[in-house]
C-alpha atoms as a PDB file:
ATOM      1  CA  MET A   1      -0.954  10.401  -2.068  1.00  0.00           C
ATOM      2  CA  LEU A   2      -3.893   8.029  -1.627  1.00  0.00           C
ATOM      3  CA  THR A   3      -6.759   7.828  -4.089  1.00  0.00           C
ATOM      4  CA  VAL A   4     -10.068   6.526  -2.769  1.00  0.00           C
ATOM      5  CA  GLY A   5     -13.169   5.433  -4.676  1.00  0.00           C
ATOM      6  CA  LEU A   6     -16.548   6.317  -3.160  1.00  0.00           C
ATOM      7  CA  THR A   7     -19.504   4.329  -4.407  1.00  0.00           C
ATOM      8  CA  GLY A   8     -22.911   2.975  -3.448  1.00  0.00           C
ATOM      9  CA  SER A   9     -26.183   2.118  -5.106  1.00  0.00           C
ATOM     10  CA  ILE A  10     -28.938   4.672  -5.587  1.00  0.00           C
ATOM     11  CA  GLY A  11     -30.486   5.947  -2.357  1.00  0.00           C
ATOM     12  CA  MET A  12     -27.690   4.699  -0.097  1.00  0.00           C
ATOM     13  CA  GLY A  13     -26.537   8.177   0.994  1.00  0.00           C
ATOM     14  CA  LYS A  14     -23.437   8.547  -1.162  1.00  0.00           C
ATOM     15  CA  SER A  15     -23.947  12.259  -1.875  1.00  0.00           C
ATOM     16  CA  ALA A  16     -24.308  13.027   1.827  1.00  0.00           C
ATOM     17  CA  THR A  17     -21.165  11.007   2.553  1.00  0.00           C
ATOM     18  CA  ALA A  18     -19.272  12.906  -0.146  1.00  0.00           C
ATOM     19  CA  GLN A  19     -20.265  16.178   1.507  1.00  0.00           C
ATOM     20  CA  ILE A  20     -19.073  14.920   4.889  1.00  0.00           C
ATOM     21  CA  LEU A  21     -15.677  14.208   3.289  1.00  0.00           C
ATOM     22  CA  ARG A  22     -15.567  17.679   1.738  1.00  0.00           C
ATOM     23  CA  ASP A  23     -16.440  19.199   5.112  1.00  0.00           C
ATOM     24  CA  ALA A  24     -13.385  17.376   6.486  1.00  0.00           C
ATOM     25  CA  ASP A  25     -11.202  19.055   3.804  1.00  0.00           C
ATOM     26  CA  ILE A  26     -10.919  15.926   1.662  1.00  0.00           C
ATOM     27  CA  PRO A  27     -11.281  16.870  -2.031  1.00  0.00           C
ATOM     28  CA  VAL A  28     -13.975  14.856  -3.824  1.00  0.00           C
ATOM     29  CA  PHE A  29     -14.238  14.516  -7.595  1.00  0.00           C
ATOM     30  CA  ASP A  30     -17.907  14.075  -8.524  1.00  0.00           C
ATOM     31  CA  SER A  31     -18.116  12.154 -11.799  1.00  0.00           C
ATOM     32  CA  ASP A  32     -21.826  12.904 -12.186  1.00  0.00           C
ATOM     33  CA  ALA A  33     -21.168  16.633 -11.784  1.00  0.00           C
ATOM     34  CA  ALA A  34     -18.398  16.346 -14.369  1.00  0.00           C
ATOM     35  CA  VAL A  35     -20.847  14.787 -16.833  1.00  0.00           C
ATOM     36  CA  HIS A  36     -23.420  17.519 -16.131  1.00  0.00           C
ATOM     37  CA  ALA A  37     -20.781  20.127 -16.977  1.00  0.00           C
ATOM     38  CA  LEU A  38     -19.919  18.289 -20.194  1.00  0.00           C
ATOM     39  CA  TYR A  39     -23.617  18.253 -21.163  1.00  0.00           C
ATOM     40  CA  ALA A  40     -24.218  21.922 -20.321  1.00  0.00           C
ATOM     41  CA  PRO A  41     -24.055  24.753 -22.903  1.00  0.00           C
ATOM     42  CA  GLY A  42     -20.477  24.974 -24.121  1.00  0.00           C
ATOM     43  CA  GLY A  43     -19.653  21.550 -22.678  1.00  0.00           C
ATOM     44  CA  ALA A  44     -17.213  19.402 -24.612  1.00  0.00           C
ATOM     45  CA  ALA A  45     -19.704  16.522 -24.957  1.00  0.00           C
ATOM     46  CA  VAL A  46     -22.559  18.500 -26.494  1.00  0.00           C
ATOM     47  CA  GLU A  47     -21.404  18.395 -30.101  1.00  0.00           C
ATOM     48  CA  PRO A  48     -20.228  14.739 -30.296  1.00  0.00           C
ATOM     49  CA  VAL A  49     -23.214  13.408 -28.337  1.00  0.00           C
ATOM     50  CA  GLY A  50     -25.564  15.456 -30.513  1.00  0.00           C
ATOM     51  CA  ARG A  51     -24.018  13.885 -33.607  1.00  0.00           C
ATOM     52  CA  ALA A  52     -24.339  10.362 -32.222  1.00  0.00           C
ATOM     53  CA  PHE A  53     -27.905  10.873 -30.972  1.00  0.00           C
ATOM     54  CA  PRO A  54     -29.738  13.355 -33.231  1.00  0.00           C
ATOM     55  CA  GLY A  55     -32.376  15.438 -31.497  1.00  0.00           C
ATOM     56  CA  VAL A  56     -30.953  15.345 -27.975  1.00  0.00           C
ATOM     57  CA  VAL A  57     -29.474  18.874 -28.054  1.00  0.00           C
ATOM     58  CA  VAL A  58     -31.852  21.595 -26.872  1.00  0.00           C
ATOM     59  CA  ASP A  59     -30.753  25.227 -26.443  1.00  0.00           C
ATOM     60  CA  GLY A  60     -27.119  24.257 -26.813  1.00  0.00           C
ATOM     61  CA  ALA A  61     -27.156  21.570 -24.123  1.00  0.00           C
ATOM     62  CA  ILE A  62     -27.831  17.852 -23.920  1.00  0.00           C
ATOM     63  CA  ASP A  63     -31.432  17.247 -22.860  1.00  0.00           C
ATOM     64  CA  ARG A  64     -31.017  14.296 -20.497  1.00  0.00           C
ATOM     65  CA  SER A  65     -34.603  13.079 -20.893  1.00  0.00           C
ATOM     66  CA  ARG A  66     -34.236  13.009 -24.678  1.00  0.00           C
ATOM     67  CA  LEU A  67     -30.896  11.271 -24.336  1.00  0.00           C
ATOM     68  CA  SER A  68     -32.492   8.697 -22.028  1.00  0.00           C
ATOM     69  CA  ASP A  69     -35.184   8.027 -24.645  1.00  0.00           C
ATOM     70  CA  ALA A  70     -32.531   7.681 -27.352  1.00  0.00           C
ATOM     71  CA  LEU A  71     -30.575   5.195 -25.248  1.00  0.00           C
ATOM     72  CA  LYS A  72     -33.693   3.101 -24.664  1.00  0.00           C
ATOM     73  CA  ALA A  73     -34.236   2.930 -28.423  1.00  0.00           C
ATOM     74  CA  ASP A  74     -30.650   1.942 -29.246  1.00  0.00           C
ATOM     75  CA  PRO A  75     -29.245  -1.314 -27.776  1.00  0.00           C
ATOM     76  CA  ASP A  76     -25.702  -0.095 -28.418  1.00  0.00           C
ATOM     77  CA  GLY A  77     -26.387   3.408 -27.152  1.00  0.00           C
ATOM     78  CA  PHE A  78     -24.706   3.116 -23.772  1.00  0.00           C
ATOM     79  CA  GLU A  79     -21.477   1.837 -25.322  1.00  0.00           C
ATOM     80  CA  ILE A  80     -21.479   4.633 -27.888  1.00  0.00           C
ATOM     81  CA  LEU A  81     -22.135   7.232 -25.205  1.00  0.00           C
ATOM     82  CA  GLU A  82     -19.390   5.882 -22.948  1.00  0.00           C
ATOM     83  CA  GLU A  83     -16.881   6.012 -25.817  1.00  0.00           C
ATOM     84  CA  ILE A  84     -17.619   9.716 -26.145  1.00  0.00           C
ATOM     85  CA  VAL A  85     -17.956  10.750 -22.519  1.00  0.00           C
ATOM     86  CA  HIS A  86     -15.415   8.535 -20.733  1.00  0.00           C
ATOM     87  CA  PRO A  87     -12.279  10.206 -22.177  1.00  0.00           C
ATOM     88  CA  LEU A  88     -13.711  13.648 -21.378  1.00  0.00           C
ATOM     89  CA  VAL A  89     -14.449  12.674 -17.768  1.00  0.00           C
ATOM     90  CA  SER A  90     -10.964  11.149 -17.505  1.00  0.00           C
ATOM     91  CA  ALA A  91      -9.434  14.451 -18.614  1.00  0.00           C
ATOM     92  CA  ALA A  92     -11.448  16.322 -15.962  1.00  0.00           C
ATOM     93  CA  ARG A  93     -10.351  13.781 -13.359  1.00  0.00           C
ATOM     94  CA  GLU A  94      -6.681  14.194 -14.298  1.00  0.00           C
ATOM     95  CA  ALA A  95      -6.999  17.978 -13.969  1.00  0.00           C
ATOM     96  CA  PHE A  96      -8.569  17.494 -10.518  1.00  0.00           C
ATOM     97  CA  VAL A  97      -5.619  15.329  -9.430  1.00  0.00           C
ATOM     98  CA  ARG A  98      -3.036  17.821 -10.718  1.00  0.00           C
ATOM     99  CA  GLU A  99      -4.709  20.766  -9.005  1.00  0.00           C
ATOM    100  CA  ASN A 100      -5.110  19.048  -5.649  1.00  0.00           C
ATOM    101  CA  ARG A 101      -1.654  17.487  -5.662  1.00  0.00           C
ATOM    102  CA  ALA A 102      -0.226  20.966  -6.261  1.00  0.00           C
ATOM    103  CA  ALA A 103      -2.367  22.257  -3.375  1.00  0.00           C
ATOM    104  CA  GLY A 104      -0.773  19.692  -1.056  1.00  0.00           C
ATOM    105  CA  HIS A 105      -3.699  17.308  -0.514  1.00  0.00           C
ATOM    106  CA  ASP A 106      -2.584  13.748   0.161  1.00  0.00           C
ATOM    107  CA  ILE A 107      -6.010  12.022   0.087  1.00  0.00           C
ATOM    108  CA  LEU A 108      -8.306  12.384  -2.916  1.00  0.00           C
ATOM    109  CA  VAL A 109     -11.757  10.813  -3.248  1.00  0.00           C
ATOM    110  CA  PHE A 110     -13.514   9.931  -6.501  1.00  0.00           C
ATOM    111  CA  ASP A 111     -17.307   9.733  -6.270  1.00  0.00           C
ATOM    112  CA  VAL A 112     -18.244   7.166  -8.936  1.00  0.00           C
ATOM    113  CA  PRO A 113     -21.722   5.560  -8.840  1.00  0.00           C
ATOM    114  CA  LEU A 114     -20.711   2.664 -11.113  1.00  0.00           C
ATOM    115  CA  LEU A 115     -17.183   2.213  -9.771  1.00  0.00           C
ATOM    116  CA  PHE A 116     -17.183  -1.583  -9.693  1.00  0.00           C
ATOM    117  CA  GLU A 117     -19.340  -1.925 -12.806  1.00  0.00           C
ATOM    118  CA  THR A 118     -16.763   0.001 -14.863  1.00  0.00           C
ATOM    119  CA  GLY A 119     -13.636  -1.527 -13.295  1.00  0.00           C
ATOM    120  CA  GLY A 120     -12.817   1.754 -11.588  1.00  0.00           C
ATOM    121  CA  GLU A 121     -11.650   0.081  -8.375  1.00  0.00           C
ATOM    122  CA  ALA A 122      -8.427  -0.834 -10.214  1.00  0.00           C
ATOM    123  CA  ARG A 123      -7.578   2.869 -10.502  1.00  0.00           C
ATOM    124  CA  VAL A 124      -7.796   3.699  -6.781  1.00  0.00           C
ATOM    125  CA  ASP A 125      -5.921   2.631  -3.661  1.00  0.00           C
ATOM    126  CA  ALA A 126      -9.011   1.964  -1.523  1.00  0.00           C
ATOM    127  CA  VAL A 127     -12.792   1.838  -1.864  1.00  0.00           C
ATOM    128  CA  ILE A 128     -15.514   3.201   0.426  1.00  0.00           C
ATOM    129  CA  VAL A 129     -18.965   1.683  -0.102  1.00  0.00           C
ATOM    130  CA  VAL A 130     -21.971   3.588   1.250  1.00  0.00           C
ATOM    131  CA  HIS A 131     -24.815   1.346   2.371  1.00  0.00           C
ATOM    132  CA  ALA A 132     -28.290   1.358   3.903  1.00  0.00           C
ATOM    133  CA  PRO A 133     -30.939  -1.382   4.261  1.00  0.00           C
ATOM    134  CA  ASP A 134     -33.053  -1.900   1.158  1.00  0.00           C
ATOM    135  CA  ALA A 135     -36.230  -0.596   2.797  1.00  0.00           C
ATOM    136  CA  VAL A 136     -34.463   2.631   3.784  1.00  0.00           C
ATOM    137  CA  ARG A 137     -32.984   3.030   0.310  1.00  0.00           C
ATOM    138  CA  ARG A 138     -36.333   2.525  -1.417  1.00  0.00           C
ATOM    139  CA  ALA A 139     -38.121   4.954   0.895  1.00  0.00           C
ATOM    140  CA  ARG A 140     -35.506   7.618   0.118  1.00  0.00           C
ATOM    141  CA  VAL A 141     -35.558   7.117  -3.629  1.00  0.00           C
ATOM    142  CA  MET A 142     -39.327   7.027  -3.984  1.00  0.00           C
ATOM    143  CA  GLN A 143     -39.477  10.547  -2.516  1.00  0.00           C
ATOM    144  CA  ARG A 144     -37.609  11.896  -5.546  1.00  0.00           C
ATOM    145  CA  PRO A 145     -39.715  13.809  -8.087  1.00  0.00           C
ATOM    146  CA  GLY A 146     -40.762  11.651 -11.036  1.00  0.00           C
ATOM    147  CA  MET A 147     -39.441   8.417  -9.540  1.00  0.00           C
ATOM    148  CA  THR A 148     -41.462   5.255 -10.047  1.00  0.00           C
ATOM    149  CA  GLU A 149     -40.946   1.642  -9.026  1.00  0.00           C
ATOM    150  CA  ALA A 150     -40.227   0.791 -12.671  1.00  0.00           C
ATOM    151  CA  LYS A 151     -37.557   3.495 -12.955  1.00  0.00           C
ATOM    152  CA  LEU A 152     -35.981   2.399  -9.700  1.00  0.00           C
ATOM    153  CA  GLU A 153     -35.837  -1.241 -10.780  1.00  0.00           C
ATOM    154  CA  ALA A 154     -34.248  -0.222 -14.110  1.00  0.00           C
ATOM    155  CA  ILE A 155     -31.557   1.734 -12.254  1.00  0.00           C
ATOM    156  CA  ILE A 156     -30.899  -1.099  -9.801  1.00  0.00           C
ATOM    157  CA  ALA A 157     -30.600  -3.557 -12.697  1.00  0.00           C
ATOM    158  CA  ARG A 158     -27.589  -1.620 -14.022  1.00  0.00           C
ATOM    159  CA  GLN A 159     -25.816  -1.698 -10.664  1.00  0.00           C
ATOM    160  CA  LEU A 160     -23.828  -4.480  -9.042  1.00  0.00           C
ATOM    161  CA  ASP A 161     -25.725  -6.140  -6.201  1.00  0.00           C
ATOM    162  CA  ASP A 162     -25.061  -4.711  -2.763  1.00  0.00           C
ATOM    163  CA  SER A 163     -23.572  -7.859  -1.239  1.00  0.00           C
ATOM    164  CA  SER A 164     -20.899  -7.944  -3.961  1.00  0.00           C
ATOM    165  CA  LYS A 165     -20.051  -4.283  -3.379  1.00  0.00           C
ATOM    166  CA  LEU A 166     -19.777  -4.785   0.364  1.00  0.00           C
ATOM    167  CA  SER A 167     -17.530  -7.817  -0.059  1.00  0.00           C
ATOM    168  CA  ARG A 168     -15.120  -5.765  -2.185  1.00  0.00           C
ATOM    169  CA  ALA A 169     -15.073  -2.654   0.019  1.00  0.00           C
ATOM    170  CA  ASP A 170     -12.114  -1.540   2.089  1.00  0.00           C
ATOM    171  CA  PHE A 171     -14.429   0.639   4.183  1.00  0.00           C
ATOM    172  CA  VAL A 172     -18.218   0.791   4.629  1.00  0.00           C
ATOM    173  CA  VAL A 173     -20.330   3.760   5.719  1.00  0.00           C
ATOM    174  CA  GLU A 174     -23.725   2.647   7.009  1.00  0.00           C
ATOM    175  CA  THR A 175     -26.077   5.623   6.630  1.00  0.00           C
ATOM    176  CA  SER A 176     -29.313   4.414   8.218  1.00  0.00           C
ATOM    177  CA  GLY A 177     -28.242   5.796  11.605  1.00  0.00           C
ATOM    178  CA  GLY A 178     -28.360   9.433  10.528  1.00  0.00           C
ATOM    179  CA  LEU A 179     -25.816  12.127   9.682  1.00  0.00           C
ATOM    180  CA  ASP A 180     -24.039  12.292  13.031  1.00  0.00           C
ATOM    181  CA  ASP A 181     -23.410   8.564  12.973  1.00  0.00           C
ATOM    182  CA  ALA A 182     -22.190   8.767   9.375  1.00  0.00           C
ATOM    183  CA  ARG A 183     -19.827  11.608  10.319  1.00  0.00           C
ATOM    184  CA  ARG A 184     -18.297   9.443  13.061  1.00  0.00           C
ATOM    185  CA  GLN A 185     -17.769   6.602  10.616  1.00  0.00           C
ATOM    186  CA  VAL A 186     -16.184   8.893   8.026  1.00  0.00           C
ATOM    187  CA  ALA A 187     -13.873  10.406  10.661  1.00  0.00           C
ATOM    188  CA  ASP A 188     -12.678   6.894  11.554  1.00  0.00           C
ATOM    189  CA  ILE A 189     -12.070   6.130   7.874  1.00  0.00           C
ATOM    190  CA  ILE A 190     -10.066   9.325   7.398  1.00  0.00           C
ATOM    191  CA  ASP A 191      -7.962   8.432  10.453  1.00  0.00           C
ATOM    192  CA  ALA A 192      -7.316   4.978   8.978  1.00  0.00           C
ATOM    193  CA  LEU A 193      -6.316   6.471   5.616  1.00  0.00           C
ATOM    194  CA  LYS A 194      -3.938   8.927   7.291  1.00  0.00           C
ATOM    195  CA  GLN A 195      -2.404   6.082   9.271  1.00  0.00           C
ATOM    196  CA  ARG A 196      -1.927   4.156   6.033  1.00  0.00           C
ATOM    197  CA  LEU A 197      -0.161   7.169   4.539  1.00  0.00           C
ATOM    198  CA  ALA A 198       2.071   7.421   7.593  1.00  0.00           C
ATOM    199  CA  ASN A 199       2.929   3.734   7.422  1.00  0.00           C
ATOM    200  CA  ASP A 200       3.708   3.968   3.710  1.00  0.00           C
ATOM    201  CA  GLY A 201       5.956   6.951   4.362  1.00  0.00           C
ATOM    202  CA  ALA A 202       7.851   5.068   7.050  1.00  0.00           C
ATOM    203  CA  ARG A 203       8.832   2.257   4.703  1.00  0.00           C
END
């Protein structure tokens, strides 16, 4: 089985690329979706995060805007939050692997926005980086409700620069050419991964 990391900075088209992979019957573990589930009513992170950051629980769920405000006010907040959430996401990831291995899938993709920033590339066999020119990325992101230049710059500041990501990628999907072009690129990547599996099996 091959495990593949999927990453890319905000606005690069990573979510669309993940859906293209799913459409090709490649299971994708969405780490952001896993965190949303942990923060939702009944989620395993609600109680410990609420203890660490008083006032962020509303109607039995983590209010992400309140949590964001709490993190801004606490220099150590991100580290504290990661200590709580990371093991829970890891458990969800392990369950995903078990289920899909049992189902016979031999390629699994892990959609992780901060893959390189958290050292996640060491836990996968290959990395796909999704990319678009900066002007395209900014135009996409600024269309999002509530987005401002200041918010965008704060997000970008937490992410590894694009040239470093591209230099460490095994595969790159360039999304500025539209969905059909991206689908062709993803199909080529899947073919390459299957060939790698075949070669590994022949050894």
